[in-house]
């Protein structure tokens, strides 16, 4: 049985709800992702994501980066 992990990905360049929904939809399509919630504040965002193997934090960050957002840390 896989363990569900919760992590936060900090990003910049997110400005509105349309972008928020797009990121959420893309991440939810990935195998192993259970839940995605995004908070936006001053063009920065926090992505709260629950996932399990085979998903990994590196893969999830790359997916967000490939969508055009900068990973802050």
Protein backbone atom coordinates (compact mmCIF):
# COMPACT_ATOMS: atom_id res chain seq x y z
CA UNK A 1 0.00 0.00 0.00
CA UNK A 2 1.33 3.41 -0.98
CA UNK A 3 1.51 6.29 1.44
CA UNK A 4 -0.11 9.57 0.39
CA UNK A 5 2.29 12.50 0.73
CA UNK A 6 1.25 16.15 1.03
CA UNK A 7 3.67 18.80 -0.26
CA UNK A 8 3.56 22.49 -1.16
CA UNK A 9 5.02 23.83 -4.40
CA UNK A 10 5.67 27.59 -4.40
CA UNK A 11 5.38 29.27 -7.80
CA UNK A 12 5.39 32.71 -9.38
CA UNK A 13 3.57 34.01 -12.43
CA UNK A 14 0.06 32.89 -11.52
CA UNK A 15 -2.38 35.78 -11.68
CA UNK A 16 -5.95 34.57 -11.97
CA UNK A 17 -8.49 31.81 -11.47
CA UNK A 18 -8.24 30.64 -15.10
CA UNK A 19 -4.55 29.87 -14.64
CA UNK A 20 -5.32 28.26 -11.29
CA UNK A 21 -7.92 25.93 -12.80
CA UNK A 22 -5.59 25.02 -15.68
CA UNK A 23 -2.78 23.99 -13.33
CA UNK A 24 -5.19 22.02 -11.14
CA UNK A 25 -6.60 20.15 -14.15
CA UNK A 26 -3.16 19.30 -15.52
CA UNK A 27 -1.84 18.02 -12.20
CA UNK A 28 -4.97 16.00 -11.41
CA UNK A 29 -4.49 14.07 -14.66
CA UNK A 30 -1.15 12.68 -13.46
CA UNK A 31 -1.14 9.14 -12.13
CA UNK A 32 -0.79 9.12 -8.35
CA UNK A 33 -2.16 12.64 -7.74
CA UNK A 34 -5.13 12.66 -5.35
CA UNK A 35 -5.88 16.31 -4.62
CA UNK A 36 -4.67 19.75 -5.75
CA UNK A 37 -5.49 23.10 -4.13
CA UNK A 38 -3.94 26.41 -5.13
CA UNK A 39 -3.83 29.69 -3.22
CA UNK A 40 -2.90 32.86 -5.12
CA UNK A 41 -1.40 35.97 -3.53
CA UNK A 42 0.33 38.83 -5.41
CA UNK A 43 1.19 36.81 -8.56
CA UNK A 44 2.64 34.02 -6.43
CA UNK A 45 0.96 30.76 -5.67
CA UNK A 46 1.07 27.87 -3.29
CA UNK A 47 0.10 24.50 -4.73
CA UNK A 48 -0.97 22.07 -2.03
CA UNK A 49 -0.81 18.61 -3.54
CA UNK A 50 -1.55 15.13 -2.20
CA UNK A 51 0.12 12.33 -4.14
CA UNK A 52 1.58 8.85 -3.95
CA UNK A 53 4.01 6.76 -5.99
CA UNK A 54 4.52 6.80 -8.96
CA UNK A 55 4.16 10.60 -8.72
CA UNK A 56 7.11 12.44 -7.19
CA UNK A 57 7.70 16.03 -6.13
CA UNK A 58 10.32 16.46 -8.89
CA UNK A 59 7.90 15.24 -11.56
CA UNK A 60 5.13 17.50 -10.26
CA UNK A 61 7.44 20.54 -10.16
CA UNK A 62 8.57 19.80 -13.73
CA UNK A 63 4.96 19.61 -14.89
CA UNK A 64 4.25 23.05 -13.36
CA UNK A 65 7.48 24.45 -14.86
CA UNK A 66 6.52 23.06 -18.28
CA UNK A 67 3.21 24.94 -17.99
CA UNK A 68 5.24 28.18 -17.85
CA UNK A 69 5.49 28.93 -14.13
CA UNK A 70 8.63 29.55 -12.12
CA UNK A 71 9.24 27.26 -9.15
CA UNK A 72 10.35 29.47 -6.26
CA UNK A 73 11.53 26.81 -3.80
